[in-house]
């Protein structure tokens, strides 16, 4: 019972920390003359994925490698099947050309990249599957290319979305920056320790905990952002937030996690990797079904049903 309470407290501290860190960093960047759109593509994008990053870094340092991969895969699966499913049930999601032909295919490429890096046994005859430090550096290189592309696109004026920033005094921004970092550090530590304790006490593997409880909890910022955006009819933000997060999770978070500690791959995780690929592929297909390029309500219902079914299957294994 104590572990569950600590897990909840960890999520609260983590999400509070990410929010304050983003607000403070955005305010400071704005005061130093950083363009608003660059703030959105870097600081805010990092902030919504900070929970996954901090949890994964703690899990890597703790040698909880199954939780590292489980959190990344679980977050990406929840983002597409769960968050986009809920968002498109509220209002159909129209998809921009750039998102259709670049960002969604890139998120699919990221999902395939996980399979390639985790398939040593099948590709080169190794004794076991592992995502090595070299693989991690390659993933980080892909992330750097993606980041440069986005900033170039923004500076060129092709991306017109702007990110509102809070205007704090330097002192207030500094205080929030410290509070945000403290929230991330404390929350991440509580989540990893309590999740491992829960897994041990109920006989559930770290992989399953990472794929379900931890991944859903660390994806709450994306869920909140997408639901608020779609209720305001800002559907581009809803789908862009999720697709961008999936790319960020694989190329940056998984990349930096494996640079810290190479990941041994549980054979059961291969099926999770295929589910992640299937979710990204299904999203790409749904964009072209029905009227126009959008994810309709009925398609959202299908996505959400698939996520619930997948989660039930994991828990009852």
Protein backbone atom coordinates (compact mmCIF):
# COMPACT_ATOMS: atom_id res chain seq x y z
CA UNK A 1 0.00 0.00 0.00
CA UNK A 2 2.87 2.36 0.83
CA UNK A 3 4.46 1.72 -2.57
CA UNK A 4 1.21 2.69 -4.36
CA UNK A 5 1.02 5.90 -2.29
CA UNK A 6 4.65 6.73 -3.07
CA UNK A 7 3.98 6.03 -6.77
CA UNK A 8 1.12 8.55 -6.82
CA UNK A 9 3.23 11.11 -4.94
CA UNK A 10 6.02 10.49 -7.44
CA UNK A 11 3.73 11.23 -10.40
CA UNK A 12 2.45 14.41 -8.73
CA UNK A 13 6.01 15.64 -8.05
CA UNK A 14 7.17 14.65 -11.53
CA UNK A 15 4.37 16.41 -13.42
CA UNK A 16 4.57 19.49 -11.15
CA UNK A 17 8.32 19.62 -11.73
CA UNK A 18 8.00 19.32 -15.51
CA UNK A 19 5.37 22.08 -15.61
CA UNK A 20 7.37 24.54 -13.49
CA UNK A 21 10.59 23.74 -15.35
CA UNK A 22 8.94 24.48 -18.71
CA UNK A 23 7.35 27.73 -17.46
CA UNK A 24 10.60 28.99 -15.95
CA UNK A 25 12.83 27.97 -18.86
CA UNK A 26 10.39 29.42 -21.41
CA UNK A 27 10.28 32.72 -19.53
CA UNK A 28 14.07 32.95 -19.33
CA UNK A 29 14.47 32.01 -23.00
CA UNK A 30 11.93 34.66 -23.99
CA UNK A 31 13.77 37.31 -21.94
CA UNK A 32 17.02 36.39 -23.71
CA UNK A 33 15.36 36.86 -27.11
CA UNK A 34 14.92 33.23 -28.18
CA UNK A 35 12.16 33.03 -30.85
CA UNK A 36 8.84 31.79 -29.51
CA UNK A 37 8.54 28.92 -31.96
CA UNK A 38 12.03 27.64 -31.09
CA UNK A 39 10.99 27.63 -27.41
CA UNK A 40 8.00 25.48 -28.36
CA UNK A 41 10.06 23.02 -30.38
CA UNK A 42 12.78 22.61 -27.79
CA UNK A 43 11.94 23.58 -24.20
CA UNK A 44 8.22 22.74 -24.26
CA UNK A 45 8.82 19.53 -26.26
CA UNK A 46 11.44 18.52 -23.71
CA UNK A 47 9.14 19.43 -20.84
CA UNK A 48 6.28 17.16 -21.90
CA UNK A 49 8.73 14.27 -22.29
CA UNK A 50 10.75 15.09 -19.16
CA UNK A 51 8.80 12.57 -17.02
CA UNK A 52 9.75 9.68 -19.34
CA UNK A 53 13.35 10.92 -19.50
CA UNK A 54 13.85 11.23 -15.74
CA UNK A 55 12.18 7.89 -14.97
CA UNK A 56 14.25 6.16 -17.65
CA UNK A 57 17.51 7.66 -16.44
CA UNK A 58 16.81 6.50 -12.89
CA UNK A 59 15.78 3.07 -14.17
CA UNK A 60 18.98 2.85 -16.28
CA UNK A 61 21.19 3.80 -13.34
CA UNK A 62 19.25 1.26 -11.23
CA UNK A 63 19.80 -1.44 -13.91
CA UNK A 64 16.01 -1.82 -14.26
CA UNK A 65 16.43 -2.24 -18.01
CA UNK A 66 13.06 -3.90 -18.58
CA UNK A 67 11.35 -0.81 -17.16
CA UNK A 68 13.40 1.46 -19.46
CA UNK A 69 12.18 -0.19 -22.66
CA UNK A 70 8.73 -0.87 -21.21
CA UNK A 71 8.24 2.81 -20.36
CA UNK A 72 9.24 4.01 -23.86
CA UNK A 73 7.16 1.40 -25.69
CA UNK A 74 4.24 1.74 -23.27
CA UNK A 75 4.24 5.54 -23.58
CA UNK A 76 4.29 5.42 -27.38
CA UNK A 77 1.53 2.81 -27.54
CA UNK A 78 -0.59 4.77 -25.05
CA UNK A 79 0.06 8.01 -26.97
CA UNK A 80 -1.34 6.62 -30.23
CA UNK A 81 -3.99 4.15 -29.12
CA UNK A 82 -5.03 5.78 -25.85
CA UNK A 83 -4.53 9.54 -26.16
CA UNK A 84 -5.39 9.91 -29.86
CA UNK A 85 -8.27 7.50 -29.32
CA UNK A 86 -9.71 9.70 -26.55
CA UNK A 87 -8.95 12.96 -28.40
CA UNK A 88 -10.58 11.88 -31.67
CA UNK A 89 -13.68 10.68 -29.80
CA UNK A 90 -14.04 14.24 -28.49
CA UNK A 91 -13.53 15.77 -31.96
CA UNK A 92 -12.21 14.36 -35.29
CA UNK A 93 -8.50 15.09 -35.76
CA UNK A 94 -7.55 16.79 -39.04
CA UNK A 95 -3.97 16.12 -40.07
CA UNK A 96 -1.68 18.62 -41.81
CA UNK A 97 0.39 17.71 -44.87
CA UNK A 98 3.72 17.89 -42.99
CA UNK A 99 2.36 15.66 -40.24
CA UNK A 100 0.96 13.18 -42.79
CA UNK A 101 4.03 12.79 -44.96
CA UNK A 102 6.90 13.49 -42.57
CA UNK A 103 6.13 13.32 -38.86
CA UNK A 104 3.84 10.24 -38.80
CA UNK A 105 6.18 8.28 -41.15
CA UNK A 106 9.12 9.39 -38.98
CA UNK A 107 7.37 8.09 -35.85
CA UNK A 108 6.83 4.80 -37.73
CA UNK A 109 10.54 4.80 -38.64
CA UNK A 110 11.38 5.32 -34.96
CA UNK A 111 9.22 2.31 -34.03
CA UNK A 112 10.99 0.18 -36.68
CA UNK A 113 14.38 1.46 -35.46
CA UNK A 114 13.66 -0.04 -32.02
CA UNK A 115 13.00 -3.42 -33.69
CA UNK A 116 16.21 -3.24 -35.73
CA UNK A 117 18.41 -2.25 -32.78
CA UNK A 118 16.81 -4.93 -30.56
CA UNK A 119 17.08 -7.84 -33.03
CA UNK A 120 20.74 -8.89 -32.75
CA UNK A 121 19.87 -12.60 -32.60
CA UNK A 122 18.04 -12.46 -35.92
CA UNK A 123 20.27 -9.94 -37.74
CA UNK A 124 23.81 -10.96 -36.85
CA UNK A 125 23.46 -14.27 -35.00
CA UNK A 126 24.30 -12.91 -31.53
CA UNK A 127 23.54 -15.01 -28.46
CA UNK A 128 21.08 -12.44 -27.06
CA UNK A 129 19.28 -9.27 -28.10
CA UNK A 130 20.63 -5.99 -26.78
CA UNK A 131 20.36 -2.28 -27.56
CA UNK A 132 23.99 -1.20 -27.21
CA UNK A 133 25.62 2.14 -26.52
CA UNK A 134 26.45 2.38 -30.22
CA UNK A 135 22.74 1.94 -31.02
CA UNK A 136 21.99 4.66 -28.49
CA UNK A 137 24.35 7.12 -30.18
CA UNK A 138 22.76 6.35 -33.56
CA UNK A 139 19.29 7.07 -32.12
CA UNK A 140 20.58 10.36 -30.71
CA UNK A 141 21.97 11.27 -34.15
CA UNK A 142 18.50 10.75 -35.66
CA UNK A 143 17.07 12.98 -32.93
CA UNK A 144 19.59 15.73 -33.68
CA UNK A 145 18.67 15.64 -37.39
CA UNK A 146 14.95 15.81 -36.50
CA UNK A 147 15.55 18.76 -34.14
CA UNK A 148 17.59 20.69 -36.71
CA UNK A 149 14.88 20.09 -39.32
CA UNK A 150 12.16 21.43 -37.01
CA UNK A 151 14.10 24.54 -36.04
CA UNK A 152 14.96 25.22 -39.71
CA UNK A 153 11.31 24.82 -40.62
CA UNK A 154 10.27 27.17 -37.84
CA UNK A 155 12.84 29.86 -38.64
CA UNK A 156 11.81 29.63 -42.31
CA UNK A 157 8.27 30.56 -41.28
CA UNK A 158 6.61 27.35 -42.47
CA UNK A 159 5.50 26.44 -38.98
CA UNK A 160 3.24 29.23 -37.78
CA UNK A 161 2.21 27.78 -34.42
CA UNK A 162 3.33 29.77 -31.43
CA UNK A 163 3.78 28.74 -27.85
CA UNK A 164 2.51 31.11 -25.15
CA UNK A 165 5.15 31.84 -22.51
CA UNK A 166 4.85 33.08 -18.93
CA UNK A 167 6.68 36.31 -18.19
CA UNK A 168 8.39 35.92 -14.82
CA UNK A 169 11.03 38.07 -13.12
CA UNK A 170 14.51 36.55 -13.11
CA UNK A 171 14.15 35.69 -9.41
CA UNK A 172 10.78 34.00 -9.82
CA UNK A 173 11.98 32.11 -12.90
CA UNK A 174 15.04 30.95 -10.98
CA UNK A 175 12.94 29.73 -8.05
CA UNK A 176 10.58 27.83 -10.38
CA UNK A 177 13.57 26.37 -12.22
CA UNK A 178 14.97 24.96 -8.97
CA UNK A 179 11.53 23.71 -7.85
CA UNK A 180 10.95 22.10 -11.23
CA UNK A 181 14.26 20.27 -11.21
CA UNK A 182 13.67 19.15 -7.61
CA UNK A 183 10.22 17.84 -8.55
CA UNK A 184 11.66 15.87 -11.46
CA UNK A 185 14.46 14.39 -9.37
CA UNK A 186 12.31 13.44 -6.38
CA UNK A 187 9.37 12.25 -8.51
CA UNK A 188 11.53 10.14 -10.79
CA UNK A 189 13.25 8.43 -7.86
CA UNK A 190 9.92 7.72 -6.09
CA UNK A 191 8.36 6.27 -9.25
CA UNK A 192 11.21 3.90 -10.05
CA UNK A 193 11.67 2.66 -6.47
CA UNK A 194 7.94 2.23 -5.78
CA UNK A 195 7.26 0.61 -9.18
CA UNK A 196 10.00 -1.95 -8.56
CA UNK A 197 8.55 -2.57 -5.08
CA UNK A 198 5.04 -3.07 -6.50
CA UNK A 199 6.33 -5.46 -9.16
CA UNK A 200 8.13 -7.55 -6.55
CA UNK A 201 5.21 -7.60 -4.11
CA UNK A 202 2.54 -8.70 -6.60
CA UNK A 203 4.73 -10.92 -8.74
CA UNK A 204 4.45 -8.74 -11.85
CA UNK A 205 7.51 -8.12 -14.02
CA UNK A 206 9.13 -4.70 -14.35
CA UNK A 207 8.33 -4.94 -18.07
CA UNK A 208 4.56 -5.05 -17.40
CA UNK A 209 4.76 -2.29 -14.77
CA UNK A 210 6.69 -0.13 -17.24
CA UNK A 211 4.24 -0.83 -20.08
CA UNK A 212 1.17 0.02 -18.01
CA UNK A 213 1.27 2.01 -14.77
CA UNK A 214 4.56 3.86 -15.30
CA UNK A 215 4.02 4.66 -19.00
CA UNK A 216 0.48 5.95 -18.45
CA UNK A 217 1.62 8.09 -15.51
CA UNK A 218 4.55 9.63 -17.39
CA UNK A 219 2.29 10.31 -20.40
CA UNK A 220 -0.22 12.36 -18.39
CA UNK A 221 1.24 15.70 -19.67
CA UNK A 222 0.63 14.59 -23.28
CA UNK A 223 -2.90 13.43 -22.38
CA UNK A 224 -3.75 16.73 -20.68
CA UNK A 225 -2.26 18.80 -23.52
CA UNK A 226 -4.08 16.86 -26.24
CA UNK A 227 -7.49 16.83 -24.50
CA UNK A 228 -7.34 20.58 -23.77
CA UNK A 229 -6.20 21.30 -27.33
CA UNK A 230 -8.93 19.25 -28.99
CA UNK A 231 -11.64 20.76 -26.78
CA UNK A 232 -10.48 24.17 -28.05
CA UNK A 233 -10.55 22.72 -31.62
CA UNK A 234 -6.75 23.06 -31.90
CA UNK A 235 -6.58 19.58 -33.39
CA UNK A 236 -3.17 20.17 -35.03
CA UNK A 237 -1.62 20.60 -31.58
CA UNK A 238 -3.29 17.41 -30.31
CA UNK A 239 -1.95 15.09 -32.99
CA UNK A 240 1.38 16.94 -33.41
CA UNK A 241 1.99 16.70 -29.66
CA UNK A 242 1.54 12.92 -29.67
CA UNK A 243 3.52 12.17 -32.84
CA UNK A 244 6.35 14.49 -31.76
CA UNK A 245 6.43 12.85 -28.34
CA UNK A 246 6.77 9.39 -29.90
CA UNK A 247 9.73 10.52 -32.01
CA UNK A 248 11.27 12.22 -28.96
CA UNK A 249 10.76 9.11 -26.79
CA UNK A 250 12.61 6.75 -29.13
CA UNK A 251 15.37 8.88 -30.61
CA UNK A 252 16.21 10.97 -27.52
CA UNK A 253 14.97 9.20 -24.40
CA UNK A 254 15.72 5.61 -25.45
CA UNK A 255 18.93 6.82 -27.07
CA UNK A 256 20.26 8.57 -23.97
CA UNK A 257 19.05 5.74 -21.68
CA UNK A 258 21.04 3.13 -23.64
CA UNK A 259 24.12 5.36 -23.69
CA UNK A 260 23.93 5.34 -19.88
CA UNK A 261 23.25 1.59 -19.62
CA UNK A 262 22.96 -0.84 -22.59
CA UNK A 263 19.64 -2.70 -22.53
CA UNK A 264 19.29 -6.46 -22.51
CA UNK A 265 16.05 -7.31 -24.32
CA UNK A 266 13.50 -9.61 -22.72
CA UNK A 267 12.21 -11.99 -25.46
CA UNK A 268 8.65 -10.97 -24.50
CA UNK A 269 9.49 -7.36 -25.35
CA UNK A 270 9.70 -8.22 -29.06
CA UNK A 271 5.91 -8.56 -29.14
CA UNK A 272 5.59 -5.11 -27.50
CA UNK A 273 7.87 -3.67 -30.19
CA UNK A 274 5.60 -5.10 -32.90
CA UNK A 275 2.53 -3.63 -31.15
CA UNK A 276 4.28 -0.23 -31.18
CA UNK A 277 4.96 -0.57 -34.93
CA UNK A 278 1.38 -1.69 -35.59
CA UNK A 279 -0.03 1.31 -33.67
CA UNK A 280 2.04 3.78 -35.73
CA UNK A 281 1.12 2.02 -38.97
CA UNK A 282 -2.57 2.00 -38.05
CA UNK A 283 -2.47 5.75 -37.38
CA UNK A 284 -0.94 6.34 -40.83
CA UNK A 285 -3.65 4.20 -42.45
CA UNK A 286 -6.48 5.92 -40.56
CA UNK A 287 -5.35 9.31 -41.88
CA UNK A 288 -6.35 8.17 -45.38
CA UNK A 289 -9.63 6.41 -44.57
CA UNK A 290 -12.97 8.23 -44.55
CA UNK A 291 -13.41 11.86 -45.62
CA UNK A 292 -10.28 13.95 -45.92
CA UNK A 293 -7.08 13.46 -43.99
CA UNK A 294 -8.35 13.01 -40.48
CA UNK A 295 -8.80 10.52 -37.66
CA UNK A 296 -12.58 10.16 -37.32
CA UNK A 297 -14.53 9.37 -34.15
CA UNK A 298 -15.13 5.73 -35.09
CA UNK A 299 -11.39 5.32 -35.71
CA UNK A 300 -10.72 6.83 -32.29
CA UNK A 301 -13.05 4.23 -30.83
CA UNK A 302 -11.07 1.49 -32.57
CA UNK A 303 -7.76 2.86 -31.25
CA UNK A 304 -9.04 3.11 -27.67
CA UNK A 305 -10.59 -0.39 -27.80
CA UNK A 306 -7.29 -1.83 -29.03
CA UNK A 307 -5.41 -0.13 -26.19
CA UNK A 308 -7.80 -1.43 -23.53
CA UNK A 309 -7.60 -4.94 -25.02
CA UNK A 310 -3.80 -4.82 -25.11
CA UNK A 311 -3.59 -3.63 -21.50
CA UNK A 312 -5.99 -6.31 -20.28
CA UNK A 313 -3.93 -8.95 -22.12
CA UNK A 314 -0.72 -7.70 -20.45
CA UNK A 315 -2.18 -7.68 -16.94
CA UNK A 316 -3.80 -11.11 -17.25
CA UNK A 317 -0.73 -12.84 -18.70
